[in-house]
Protein backbone atom coordinates (compact mmCIF):
# COMPACT_ATOMS: atom_id res chain seq x y z
CA MET A 1 143.74 33.36 145.02
CA ASP A 2 143.74 32.41 141.37
CA LEU A 3 145.61 29.09 141.37
CA ARG A 4 146.18 29.07 137.60
CA ARG A 5 147.84 32.46 137.68
CA LEU A 6 149.93 31.40 140.65
CA GLU A 7 150.95 28.17 138.95
CA ASN A 8 151.93 30.05 135.79
CA ALA A 9 153.93 32.53 137.84
CA LEU A 10 155.72 29.69 139.65
CA ARG A 11 156.60 28.13 136.31
CA GLN A 12 158.20 31.38 135.19
CA LEU A 13 160.41 31.78 138.25
CA PRO A 14 164.10 30.97 138.05
CA VAL A 15 164.80 27.66 139.78
CA ASP A 16 166.73 29.37 142.62
CA THR A 17 163.75 31.59 143.36
CA LEU A 18 161.29 28.72 143.05
CA LEU A 19 163.21 26.80 145.69
CA THR A 20 163.04 29.74 148.13
CA GLU A 21 159.29 30.14 147.71
CA ILE A 22 158.31 27.46 150.25
CA PRO A 23 160.62 28.64 153.07
CA GLU A 24 159.21 32.16 152.67
CA ILE A 25 155.65 30.85 152.95
CA GLN A 26 156.63 28.74 155.95
CA ASN A 27 158.10 31.81 157.65
CA SER A 28 154.77 33.56 157.19
CA ILE A 29 152.94 30.55 158.65
CA LYS A 30 155.21 30.62 161.73
CA HIS A 31 154.38 34.27 162.32
CA LEU A 32 150.64 33.69 161.84
CA LEU A 33 150.67 30.77 164.28
CA LYS A 34 152.54 32.85 166.85
CA SER A 35 150.16 35.76 166.37
CA ASN A 36 147.13 33.50 166.83
CA GLN A 37 148.66 31.98 169.96
CA GLU A 38 149.31 35.43 171.43
CA MET A 39 145.78 36.60 170.64
CA ARG A 40 144.30 33.47 172.23
CA GLU A 41 146.43 34.01 175.34
CA TYR A 42 145.31 37.64 175.54
CA ASP A 43 141.64 36.67 175.13
CA PRO A 44 141.43 33.08 176.44
CA ILE A 45 137.62 32.96 176.56
CA GLY A 46 137.20 34.41 173.08
CA GLN A 47 135.14 37.45 174.05
CA ASP A 48 136.95 40.02 171.91
CA ARG A 49 135.23 39.89 168.52
CA ASP A 50 138.05 41.76 166.78
CA LEU A 51 140.63 39.28 168.03
CA GLN A 52 138.43 36.36 167.04
CA ASP A 53 138.02 37.84 163.55
CA ALA A 54 141.79 38.33 163.29
CA ILE A 55 142.42 34.73 164.36
CA LYS A 56 139.93 33.54 161.74
CA GLU A 57 141.59 35.67 159.05
CA ASN A 58 145.01 34.32 160.00
CA THR A 59 143.70 30.75 159.91
CA GLU A 60 142.18 31.27 156.46
CA LEU A 61 145.46 32.78 155.25
CA MET A 62 147.35 29.75 156.57
CA GLU A 63 144.97 27.52 154.61
CA ARG A 64 145.81 29.45 151.44
CA HIS A 65 149.51 29.24 152.28
CA GLU A 66 149.25 25.46 152.60
CA ILE A 67 147.64 25.32 149.15
CA ARG A 68 150.48 27.48 147.77
CA ILE A 69 153.05 25.14 149.30
CA ASP A 70 151.41 22.10 147.71
CA LEU A 71 151.18 23.83 144.35
CA THR A 72 154.82 24.90 144.58
CA LEU A 73 155.80 21.31 145.37
CA ARG A 74 154.01 20.15 142.24
CA VAL A 75 155.76 22.75 140.09
CA ILE A 76 159.13 21.78 141.61
CA LYS A 77 158.44 18.15 140.73
CA GLU A 78 157.52 19.06 137.15
CA ARG A 79 160.37 21.51 136.58
CA ILE A 80 163.25 20.01 138.56
CA GLY A 81 162.31 16.37 138.99
CA ASP A 82 161.27 13.75 141.49
CA ALA A 83 164.47 13.79 143.55
CA ALA A 84 164.27 17.54 144.21
CA ALA A 85 160.56 17.33 144.93
CA TYR A 86 161.11 14.47 147.37
CA GLU A 87 163.79 16.42 149.23
CA VAL A 88 161.68 19.56 149.44
CA ARG A 89 158.65 17.48 150.42
CA SER A 90 160.53 15.90 153.31
CA ASN A 91 161.38 19.40 154.56
CA VAL A 92 157.73 20.45 154.19
CA ASP A 93 156.60 17.36 156.12
CA ALA A 94 159.06 18.14 158.92
CA PHE A 95 157.83 21.73 159.05
CA ARG A 96 154.18 20.65 159.14
CA LYS A 97 154.96 18.26 161.98
CA GLN A 98 156.72 20.99 163.97
CA TYR A 99 154.20 23.75 163.13
CA PRO A 100 150.85 22.04 162.62
CA THR A 101 147.92 24.05 161.37
CA LYS A 102 144.29 23.00 161.68
CA THR A 103 144.13 22.63 157.91
CA GLU A 104 147.09 20.32 157.55
CA LYS A 105 146.37 17.58 155.01
CA LYS A 106 146.43 13.92 155.90
CA GLU A 107 149.60 12.11 154.92
CA ASP A 108 147.91 10.22 152.08
CA ASP A 109 146.47 13.39 150.57
CA ASP A 110 149.71 14.79 149.25
CA ILE A 111 150.36 16.77 146.12
CA MET A 112 152.98 14.30 144.90
CA GLY A 113 150.24 12.26 143.31
CA THR A 114 149.32 9.53 145.73
CA LYS A 115 145.68 10.56 145.91
CA GLU A 116 143.67 11.19 142.78
CA GLU A 117 140.40 12.71 144.00
CA GLY A 118 139.48 16.36 143.90
CA VAL A 119 139.92 19.16 141.42
CA PHE A 120 143.27 19.44 139.70
CA LEU A 121 144.56 22.16 137.44
């Protein structure tokens, strides 16, 4: 995923569409989590290589989705303001609590600017 292209695309979206971006990604995450759970239940010892590969692919896709969510939050903050970003962020936090992924970021490592290490665009 080219994050610069994604960020530019997010900046071009109408505000209404930008605000629906995160719920759409979250819906995808819910389906991926459910799919992984079902595959693990079907193959509890992890002997089916195809299922294990599919679970890994889904997990990697969820990681990319989490990055997209954080990037979208940043664009919302820049385009709409802190109040909107805070509201959306609280919804994202609630979602992440209800549907945790293995790649979920620590609370202090949020895109709203509280942590300054890493690579930023």
